[in-house]
């Protein structure tokens, strides 16, 4: 007896389900594995940590941005990120963009060719040739002297005072707002933390912070105390205050302490009682602008040798006498620890220093009682006038000596000294910071303080080696 064969289900081929011409076309596209269904992939995504980035011609270690990429149905390690277009290759071309890293997070760095702006198109390409793009808006400032020793602190352009926060980190004040920003001083980039103190200070406008001095974990800060640029009295500028630091380096935290708002008034009254020797009353009158040779403008703050209560208040203006070649003025406030709590100020004997006709732009003391003074013009908002660094022992009657002339061909004005190395040991390094607020960084006539994107605003930090 013949056995019956068991029926076997046969899957119809593509060619039997479709007309012959259609089947042939599909098989040509899909290949012989047409019956195997591959996993589908989506369109890749690409996202920047910041859409704006600044750099500088000839800079070492410019700021970078992070780009995050992904594609559904595909491993991120298989995605490629490239620069596919530049709106101005003379500033930065596609070949000047470097992308490093693997996986979902990549780092994008740009090398500047020339001053100006460029929009850079970044493209991610994934499986199946699918791609997506985004735009990085790039701005490049010109080359500076000592570029290998320069770093750029972004997020604000008017750095006006700075103190050492430990482990290479720097706490920086900006005279256009009331925010303290913590930076890694060894690299270029954005602040790692920031604290807006406007509410704590009760300030509706900028305090115009111009000086800072650290005593233990307490940092004393002073406003300029003078009128604004239009010669108007603004109460918020008549402020001295403290903050308390906890932790150090990247772990630094800032807490508001206390504030006083009468130091300007006390200085004017003190000068009147001493025969108006320095002309403070006239210099603070309505309509008087602060940055005049006979003006009233504070820019430096540091404590006297061995003291935690007597603070040296350094003046940008006036010079003494108020004429070219005049001396720089320091007024000791003998109870600064109480003035920041609202107590009336008391004063020591004023100190007049020969800084070669320059005035105090900042001063800083180390634990050995050695001082460095940043000396600059009472008038200049940039480096168009001479700047110099002076050494001093902090003793009234002792004159300072010049350590070095500071470079003046680049944008910005030397404004802050972070810390003082042992000046008796050759080869110590000192970090100075510029106020770049009035600088035209990118060649379009816009002052840095008026730039609409904080990533494009920046101040410059430079390390100098002392002999």
Protein backbone atom coordinates (compact mmCIF):
# COMPACT_ATOMS: atom_id res chain seq x y z
CA UNK A 1 0.00 0.00 0.00
CA UNK A 2 1.40 3.38 -1.04
CA UNK A 3 1.89 5.81 1.81
CA UNK A 4 0.41 9.28 1.44
CA UNK A 5 2.91 12.13 1.70
CA UNK A 6 2.40 14.55 4.57
CA UNK A 7 1.37 17.99 3.33
CA UNK A 8 4.00 20.70 3.92
CA UNK A 9 3.04 24.36 3.97
CA UNK A 10 5.03 26.32 1.48
CA UNK A 11 5.49 30.07 1.91
CA UNK A 12 4.72 31.79 -1.34
CA UNK A 13 7.65 33.70 -2.78
CA UNK A 14 7.55 37.38 -3.54
CA UNK A 15 7.45 36.54 -7.25
CA UNK A 16 4.23 34.50 -6.86
CA UNK A 17 2.41 37.17 -4.84
CA UNK A 18 3.24 40.07 -7.14
CA UNK A 19 3.30 40.59 -10.83
CA UNK A 20 6.58 39.47 -12.31
CA UNK A 21 7.98 42.93 -13.09
CA UNK A 22 7.19 44.23 -9.58
CA UNK A 23 8.71 41.17 -7.93
CA UNK A 24 11.91 41.50 -9.92
CA UNK A 25 12.22 45.16 -8.94
CA UNK A 26 11.69 44.42 -5.25
CA UNK A 27 14.15 41.56 -5.24
CA UNK A 28 16.75 43.77 -6.87
CA UNK A 29 16.36 46.28 -4.05
CA UNK A 30 15.87 43.92 -1.12
CA UNK A 31 18.14 41.10 -2.20
CA UNK A 32 17.65 37.42 -1.55
CA UNK A 33 17.09 37.99 2.17
CA UNK A 34 13.91 39.89 1.50
CA UNK A 35 11.93 37.60 3.73
CA UNK A 36 14.11 38.56 6.78
CA UNK A 37 12.82 41.74 8.44
CA UNK A 38 15.72 44.08 9.61
CA UNK A 39 15.23 46.30 12.64
CA UNK A 40 14.24 49.82 11.62
CA UNK A 41 16.31 52.86 12.64
CA UNK A 42 15.13 56.36 13.33
CA UNK A 43 16.57 59.69 12.32
CA UNK A 44 19.63 60.57 14.41
CA UNK A 45 19.47 63.41 16.92
CA UNK A 46 22.21 65.91 17.77
CA UNK A 47 22.15 68.40 20.63
CA UNK A 48 24.76 70.92 21.82
CA UNK A 49 25.43 71.74 25.47
CA UNK A 50 25.59 75.38 24.32
CA UNK A 51 24.79 76.87 20.95
CA UNK A 52 27.44 79.58 21.28
CA UNK A 53 31.20 79.25 21.69
CA UNK A 54 34.13 81.65 21.79
CA UNK A 55 37.77 81.15 21.02
CA UNK A 56 40.91 83.17 20.37
CA UNK A 57 43.52 83.11 17.64
CA UNK A 58 46.61 81.28 18.85
CA UNK A 59 45.00 80.28 22.14
CA UNK A 60 45.93 77.26 24.23
CA UNK A 61 43.00 75.20 25.47
CA UNK A 62 40.05 77.27 24.27
CA UNK A 63 36.57 76.52 25.64
CA UNK A 64 34.75 73.51 24.17
CA UNK A 65 31.16 72.32 23.88
CA UNK A 66 29.66 68.89 24.35
CA UNK A 67 27.47 67.36 21.66
CA UNK A 68 25.03 64.56 22.50
CA UNK A 69 24.00 62.19 19.71
CA UNK A 70 21.62 59.25 19.47
CA UNK A 71 19.70 57.13 16.97
CA UNK A 72 16.90 54.74 17.80
CA UNK A 73 17.67 51.21 16.71
CA UNK A 74 21.41 51.91 16.41
CA UNK A 75 24.43 51.81 18.67
CA UNK A 76 25.65 55.36 19.43
CA UNK A 77 29.25 54.23 18.99
CA UNK A 78 28.53 53.79 15.30
CA UNK A 79 27.48 57.41 14.81
CA UNK A 80 29.92 59.88 13.30
CA UNK A 81 30.00 63.62 13.98
CA UNK A 82 31.68 66.02 11.57
CA UNK A 83 31.65 69.69 10.66
CA UNK A 84 30.01 69.89 7.26
CA UNK A 85 29.86 73.64 6.62
CA UNK A 86 31.24 77.00 7.77
CA UNK A 87 29.65 80.35 7.01
CA UNK A 88 33.06 82.02 7.16
CA UNK A 89 36.00 79.72 6.68
CA UNK A 90 38.47 82.58 7.11
CA UNK A 91 37.46 82.66 10.79
CA UNK A 92 37.10 78.89 11.26
CA UNK A 93 36.65 76.27 8.58
CA UNK A 94 35.36 72.72 8.76
CA UNK A 95 38.93 71.46 9.04
CA UNK A 96 39.40 73.59 12.17
CA UNK A 97 36.74 71.65 14.07
CA UNK A 98 37.89 68.68 16.14
CA UNK A 99 35.44 66.10 17.47
CA UNK A 100 36.63 63.61 20.07
CA UNK A 101 34.98 60.89 22.12
CA UNK A 102 32.69 57.95 21.41
CA UNK A 103 29.19 56.94 22.36
CA UNK A 104 26.44 59.42 23.01
CA UNK A 105 28.69 62.27 24.24
CA UNK A 106 31.36 63.94 22.10
CA UNK A 107 33.55 67.00 22.65
CA UNK A 108 33.80 69.72 20.01
CA UNK A 109 36.76 72.11 19.90
CA UNK A 110 37.46 74.81 17.33
CA UNK A 111 40.76 76.41 16.30
CA UNK A 112 40.38 80.06 15.34
CA UNK A 113 42.02 81.36 12.18
CA UNK A 114 41.07 85.04 12.44
CA UNK A 115 38.94 87.47 14.45
CA UNK A 116 35.23 87.42 13.68
CA UNK A 117 32.15 85.21 13.61
CA UNK A 118 31.32 81.92 11.89
CA UNK A 119 28.33 79.60 11.97
CA UNK A 120 29.53 76.00 11.95
CA UNK A 121 27.20 73.21 10.83
CA UNK A 122 27.72 69.98 12.77
CA UNK A 123 26.38 66.80 11.22
CA UNK A 124 25.70 63.41 12.77
CA UNK A 125 25.47 60.43 10.41
CA UNK A 126 24.06 57.10 11.51
CA UNK A 127 22.83 53.77 10.24
CA UNK A 128 21.24 53.61 6.81
CA UNK A 129 22.98 56.89 5.97
CA UNK A 130 20.45 58.90 7.92
CA UNK A 131 21.71 62.23 9.29
CA UNK A 132 20.82 65.38 11.20
CA UNK A 133 22.51 68.75 11.69
CA UNK A 134 22.77 71.57 14.20
CA UNK A 135 24.52 74.94 14.19
CA UNK A 136 27.27 76.15 16.50
CA UNK A 137 27.60 79.94 16.56
CA UNK A 138 31.30 80.67 16.94
CA UNK A 139 33.16 83.90 17.74
CA UNK A 140 36.93 84.38 17.69
CA UNK A 141 38.90 87.16 19.38
CA UNK A 142 42.35 88.21 18.12
CA UNK A 143 45.67 86.80 19.22
CA UNK A 144 47.24 88.22 22.38
CA UNK A 145 50.73 88.44 23.78
CA UNK A 146 51.74 85.57 26.04
CA UNK A 147 48.99 83.43 24.52
CA UNK A 148 50.44 80.20 25.95
CA UNK A 149 49.92 81.61 29.45
CA UNK A 150 46.45 83.01 28.78
CA UNK A 151 43.11 81.49 29.74
CA UNK A 152 39.64 82.87 29.04
CA UNK A 153 36.93 83.06 31.71
CA UNK A 154 33.60 83.08 29.88
CA UNK A 155 30.10 83.98 31.03
CA UNK A 156 30.92 87.62 31.85
CA UNK A 157 33.39 90.17 30.50
CA UNK A 158 33.89 92.70 33.32
CA UNK A 159 36.04 90.80 35.82
CA UNK A 160 36.84 93.38 38.49
CA UNK A 161 38.05 91.51 41.58
CA UNK A 162 39.19 87.98 42.35
CA UNK A 163 40.30 85.85 45.28
CA UNK A 164 41.97 82.48 45.50
CA UNK A 165 39.49 79.67 46.25
CA UNK A 166 42.14 76.94 46.53
CA UNK A 167 43.41 74.17 44.26
CA UNK A 168 43.72 76.50 41.30
CA UNK A 169 40.13 77.76 41.47
CA UNK A 170 39.31 81.46 41.46
CA UNK A 171 36.25 83.33 42.75
CA UNK A 172 35.65 86.29 40.44
CA UNK A 173 33.43 89.36 40.80
CA UNK A 174 32.03 91.26 37.82
CA UNK A 175 31.33 94.99 38.01
CA UNK A 176 28.27 94.81 35.74
CA UNK A 177 26.25 92.52 38.03
CA UNK A 178 26.21 91.19 41.58
CA UNK A 179 27.17 87.62 40.73
CA UNK A 180 30.24 85.81 42.01
CA UNK A 181 31.55 83.15 39.64
CA UNK A 182 33.83 80.22 40.46
CA UNK A 183 36.29 79.20 37.73
CA UNK A 184 38.94 76.57 37.31
CA UNK A 185 41.75 79.05 36.79
CA UNK A 186 43.93 76.57 34.92
CA UNK A 187 41.62 76.20 31.91
CA UNK A 188 39.43 78.31 29.68
CA UNK A 189 35.69 78.00 29.98
CA UNK A 190 32.48 78.82 31.80
CA UNK A 191 32.12 79.12 35.59
CA UNK A 192 31.62 75.86 37.42
CA UNK A 193 29.32 77.60 39.91
CA UNK A 194 27.83 81.04 40.41
CA UNK A 195 25.97 82.97 43.10
CA UNK A 196 23.76 86.01 42.38
CA UNK A 197 23.80 88.11 45.57
CA UNK A 198 21.40 90.84 44.41
CA UNK A 199 18.57 89.69 46.65
CA UNK A 200 20.80 89.22 49.69
CA UNK A 201 22.26 92.68 49.14
CA UNK A 202 18.86 94.25 48.55
CA UNK A 203 20.33 95.71 45.36
CA UNK A 204 18.25 96.60 42.33
CA UNK A 205 21.33 97.69 40.33
CA UNK A 206 24.95 96.59 40.25
CA UNK A 207 27.07 97.24 43.34
CA UNK A 208 29.96 97.80 40.92
CA UNK A 209 32.20 95.40 42.83
CA UNK A 210 35.81 96.53 42.40
CA UNK A 211 37.85 94.96 45.18
CA UNK A 212 37.98 91.81 47.28
CA UNK A 213 40.17 90.51 50.12
CA UNK A 214 40.11 87.16 51.89
CA UNK A 215 40.65 86.73 55.63
CA UNK A 216 40.37 83.06 56.54
CA UNK A 217 37.04 81.93 55.11
CA UNK A 218 35.60 85.45 55.01
CA UNK A 219 35.87 87.48 51.82
CA UNK A 220 35.38 91.25 52.03
CA UNK A 221 34.09 92.99 48.91
CA UNK A 222 33.74 96.67 48.08
CA UNK A 223 31.81 98.56 45.49
CA UNK A 224 33.46 101.46 43.67
CA UNK A 225 31.70 103.87 46.10
CA UNK A 226 31.73 106.56 43.39
CA UNK A 227 29.08 108.06 41.15
CA UNK A 228 28.14 106.25 37.97
CA UNK A 229 29.55 107.19 34.57
CA UNK A 230 26.87 109.87 34.20
CA UNK A 231 27.86 111.51 37.46
CA UNK A 232 24.81 110.24 39.34
CA UNK A 233 24.81 108.84 42.86
CA UNK A 234 23.57 105.26 42.95
CA UNK A 235 23.06 103.92 46.46
CA UNK A 236 23.85 100.31 45.53
CA UNK A 237 27.45 101.32 44.73
CA UNK A 238 27.92 102.57 48.28
CA UNK A 239 28.27 99.01 49.55
CA UNK A 240 30.85 96.90 51.34
CA UNK A 241 29.90 93.34 52.20
CA UNK A 242 31.19 89.92 53.14
CA UNK A 243 30.71 86.36 51.98
CA UNK A 244 31.70 83.19 53.78
CA UNK A 245 33.41 80.38 51.91
CA UNK A 246 33.13 76.70 52.75
CA UNK A 247 35.03 73.94 51.03
CA UNK A 248 37.74 74.70 48.50
CA UNK A 249 38.48 74.33 44.83
CA UNK A 250 35.62 72.88 42.82
CA UNK A 251 33.74 72.17 46.07
CA UNK A 252 33.71 75.84 47.14
CA UNK A 253 30.39 77.20 48.34
CA UNK A 254 29.51 80.84 49.00
CA UNK A 255 27.13 82.22 51.62
CA UNK A 256 26.24 85.87 52.08
CA UNK A 257 27.45 87.46 55.30
CA UNK A 258 26.61 91.10 56.02
CA UNK A 259 26.72 94.51 54.35
CA UNK A 260 27.28 98.16 55.18
CA UNK A 261 26.22 101.13 53.10
CA UNK A 262 27.94 104.17 54.64
CA UNK A 263 31.64 103.91 53.84
CA UNK A 264 31.46 106.55 51.09
CA UNK A 265 29.71 108.96 53.46
CA UNK A 266 32.27 108.30 56.20
CA UNK A 267 35.18 108.87 53.79
CA UNK A 268 33.74 112.21 52.64
CA UNK A 269 33.13 113.32 56.24
CA UNK A 270 36.66 112.26 57.26
CA UNK A 271 38.21 114.19 54.39
CA UNK A 272 36.15 117.30 55.22
CA UNK A 273 37.31 117.10 58.83
CA UNK A 274 40.90 117.07 57.56
CA UNK A 275 40.65 120.13 55.35
CA UNK A 276 39.33 118.47 52.18
CA UNK A 277 42.85 117.31 51.41
CA UNK A 278 41.70 114.83 48.79
CA UNK A 279 38.62 116.63 47.52
CA UNK A 280 36.21 113.78 48.23
CA UNK A 281 33.20 116.06 48.74
CA UNK A 282 33.68 117.82 45.41
CA UNK A 283 34.39 114.54 43.61
CA UNK A 284 31.17 112.94 44.83
CA UNK A 285 28.92 115.92 44.05
CA UNK A 286 26.10 115.49 41.56
CA UNK A 287 27.37 115.57 38.01
CA UNK A 288 30.93 114.53 38.88
CA UNK A 289 32.09 111.42 37.03
CA UNK A 290 34.31 109.07 39.05
CA UNK A 291 37.14 108.34 36.63
CA UNK A 292 38.88 111.70 36.64
CA UNK A 293 42.31 112.60 37.94
CA UNK A 294 40.49 114.39 40.78
CA UNK A 295 37.60 111.92 40.91
CA UNK A 296 36.45 109.44 43.55
CA UNK A 297 36.71 105.77 42.63
CA UNK A 298 37.78 102.76 44.72
CA UNK A 299 39.32 99.73 43.00
CA UNK A 300 41.53 97.93 45.51
CA UNK A 301 40.99 96.22 48.86
CA UNK A 302 43.40 94.26 51.05
CA UNK A 303 44.21 94.04 54.75
CA UNK A 304 47.17 95.67 56.47
CA UNK A 305 50.16 93.54 57.51
CA UNK A 306 49.21 91.15 60.29
CA UNK A 307 45.70 92.58 60.66
CA UNK A 308 42.23 91.13 60.25
CA UNK A 309 40.46 94.42 61.00
CA UNK A 310 42.39 97.22 59.24
CA UNK A 311 41.76 97.21 55.51
CA UNK A 312 43.64 99.19 52.88
CA UNK A 313 41.19 100.88 50.50
CA UNK A 314 43.01 101.63 47.23
CA UNK A 315 41.84 104.45 44.98
CA UNK A 316 41.85 104.58 41.19
CA UNK A 317 41.03 108.27 41.58
CA UNK A 318 42.10 110.75 42.75
CA UNK A 319 45.83 111.00 42.26
CA UNK A 320 47.66 113.09 44.88
CA UNK A 321 48.04 115.84 43.82
CA UNK A 322 45.37 115.48 41.13
CA UNK A 323 47.69 115.92 38.15
CA UNK A 324 49.87 113.85 35.86
CA UNK A 325 52.65 112.32 37.92
CA UNK A 326 50.60 112.35 41.12
CA UNK A 327 50.82 109.61 43.72
CA UNK A 328 48.38 106.76 44.33
CA UNK A 329 46.17 106.93 47.42
CA UNK A 330 45.41 104.25 50.02
CA UNK A 331 43.16 105.00 53.00
CA UNK A 332 43.28 102.53 55.93
CA UNK A 333 39.87 101.66 57.39
CA UNK A 334 40.75 100.46 60.87
CA UNK A 335 37.46 98.71 61.69
CA UNK A 336 36.47 97.15 58.39
CA UNK A 337 35.19 94.06 60.21
CA UNK A 338 32.53 96.31 61.75
CA UNK A 339 31.94 98.61 58.78
CA UNK A 340 30.53 95.65 56.86
CA UNK A 341 27.92 95.41 59.63
CA UNK A 342 26.89 99.06 59.36
CA UNK A 343 29.22 100.59 61.95
CA UNK A 344 30.69 104.03 61.26
CA UNK A 345 34.17 103.76 59.78
CA UNK A 346 37.33 104.91 61.52
CA UNK A 347 40.48 105.74 59.60
CA UNK A 348 44.22 105.55 59.92
CA UNK A 349 46.86 107.79 58.39
CA UNK A 350 46.48 107.88 54.61
CA UNK A 351 49.24 106.38 52.49
CA UNK A 352 50.53 107.96 49.29
CA UNK A 353 52.55 105.71 46.98
CA UNK A 354 54.74 106.58 44.03
CA UNK A 355 53.57 104.27 41.26
CA UNK A 356 55.09 106.28 38.45
CA UNK A 357 52.00 108.44 38.00
CA UNK A 358 49.66 105.43 37.99
CA UNK A 359 46.91 104.61 40.47
CA UNK A 360 45.76 101.48 42.30
CA UNK A 361 43.77 99.01 40.20
CA UNK A 362 44.17 96.14 42.69
CA UNK A 363 46.39 95.02 45.55
CA UNK A 364 46.97 91.63 47.17
CA UNK A 365 48.93 90.36 50.18
CA UNK A 366 50.34 86.92 50.91
CA UNK A 367 50.87 85.23 54.28
CA UNK A 368 54.41 86.66 54.47
CA UNK A 369 53.10 90.22 54.35
CA UNK A 370 54.33 90.80 50.80
CA UNK A 371 52.08 92.85 48.52
CA UNK A 372 51.62 93.11 44.80
CA UNK A 373 49.91 96.20 43.39
CA UNK A 374 48.39 96.33 39.92
CA UNK A 375 48.98 99.92 38.85
CA UNK A 376 47.18 101.55 35.95
CA UNK A 377 45.80 104.77 34.60
CA UNK A 378 42.92 106.46 36.38
CA UNK A 379 41.39 107.07 32.93
CA UNK A 380 41.95 104.01 30.73
CA UNK A 381 39.23 101.39 30.36
CA UNK A 382 41.56 99.26 28.26
CA UNK A 383 45.28 98.70 27.79
CA UNK A 384 45.86 101.90 25.84
CA UNK A 385 47.79 103.38 28.79
CA UNK A 386 50.67 101.93 30.82
CA UNK A 387 50.13 99.22 33.43
CA UNK A 388 52.72 97.84 35.82
CA UNK A 389 53.08 95.44 38.72
CA UNK A 390 54.68 96.76 41.91
CA UNK A 391 56.00 95.06 45.03
CA UNK A 392 55.39 96.61 48.47
CA UNK A 393 55.81 95.64 52.12
CA UNK A 394 52.56 97.27 53.24
CA UNK A 395 54.30 99.72 55.57
CA UNK A 396 53.26 103.37 55.43
CA UNK A 397 56.25 105.50 54.43
CA UNK A 398 57.89 102.65 52.53
CA UNK A 399 57.71 103.05 48.78
CA UNK A 400 56.99 100.17 46.38
CA UNK A 401 59.31 98.94 43.65
CA UNK A 402 58.34 97.97 40.12
CA UNK A 403 58.41 94.25 39.38
CA UNK A 404 57.46 94.39 35.69
CA UNK A 405 55.67 96.42 33.05
CA UNK A 406 52.50 94.70 31.89
CA UNK A 407 51.73 94.22 28.17
CA UNK A 408 49.38 96.87 26.82
CA UNK A 409 48.78 96.03 23.15
CA UNK A 410 45.85 93.67 23.74
CA UNK A 411 42.17 94.14 24.57
CA UNK A 412 41.05 94.69 28.14
CA UNK A 413 42.55 96.42 31.17
CA UNK A 414 44.54 94.67 33.90
CA UNK A 415 42.20 94.64 36.87
CA UNK A 416 42.80 91.84 39.37
CA UNK A 417 45.61 89.89 41.00
CA UNK A 418 44.50 86.53 42.37
CA UNK A 419 47.28 85.64 44.81
CA UNK A 420 50.88 86.52 45.62
CA UNK A 421 53.71 83.93 45.52
CA UNK A 422 56.74 84.22 47.79
CA UNK A 423 58.42 87.25 46.27
CA UNK A 424 61.78 86.28 47.75
CA UNK A 425 61.89 83.13 45.63
CA UNK A 426 62.67 83.55 41.95
CA UNK A 427 60.29 81.97 39.46
CA UNK A 428 57.02 82.44 41.32
CA UNK A 429 53.91 82.70 39.16
CA UNK A 430 51.20 85.30 39.58
CA UNK A 431 47.78 85.24 37.92
CA UNK A 432 46.33 88.54 36.67
CA UNK A 433 42.87 89.04 35.16
CA UNK A 434 41.65 91.69 32.71
CA UNK A 435 38.36 93.54 32.59
CA UNK A 436 37.34 93.20 28.93
CA UNK A 437 33.93 94.85 29.22
CA UNK A 438 34.79 97.80 26.96
CA UNK A 439 36.76 95.73 24.44
CA UNK A 440 35.64 95.08 20.88
CA UNK A 441 36.60 91.42 21.01
CA UNK A 442 35.23 90.29 17.66
CA UNK A 443 35.80 93.28 15.38
CA UNK A 444 32.18 94.33 14.87
CA UNK A 445 32.22 97.42 17.10
CA UNK A 446 30.25 95.79 19.93
CA UNK A 447 31.66 96.17 23.44
CA UNK A 448 31.98 92.82 25.19
CA UNK A 449 29.63 93.84 28.01
CA UNK A 450 26.89 94.40 25.40
CA UNK A 451 27.23 91.02 23.67
CA UNK A 452 23.91 89.18 23.77
CA UNK A 453 25.33 85.73 24.55
CA UNK A 454 27.26 85.10 27.78
CA UNK A 455 29.33 82.41 26.06
CA UNK A 456 30.85 85.18 23.92
CA UNK A 457 31.56 87.44 26.89
CA UNK A 458 34.91 86.75 28.53
CA UNK A 459 37.79 88.11 30.56
CA UNK A 460 41.38 87.03 30.13
CA UNK A 461 43.53 85.45 32.81
CA UNK A 462 47.31 85.42 32.30
CA UNK A 463 50.11 83.87 34.34
CA UNK A 464 53.34 85.83 34.73
CA UNK A 465 56.60 84.41 36.04
CA UNK A 466 58.41 86.77 38.39
CA UNK A 467 62.17 87.06 38.50
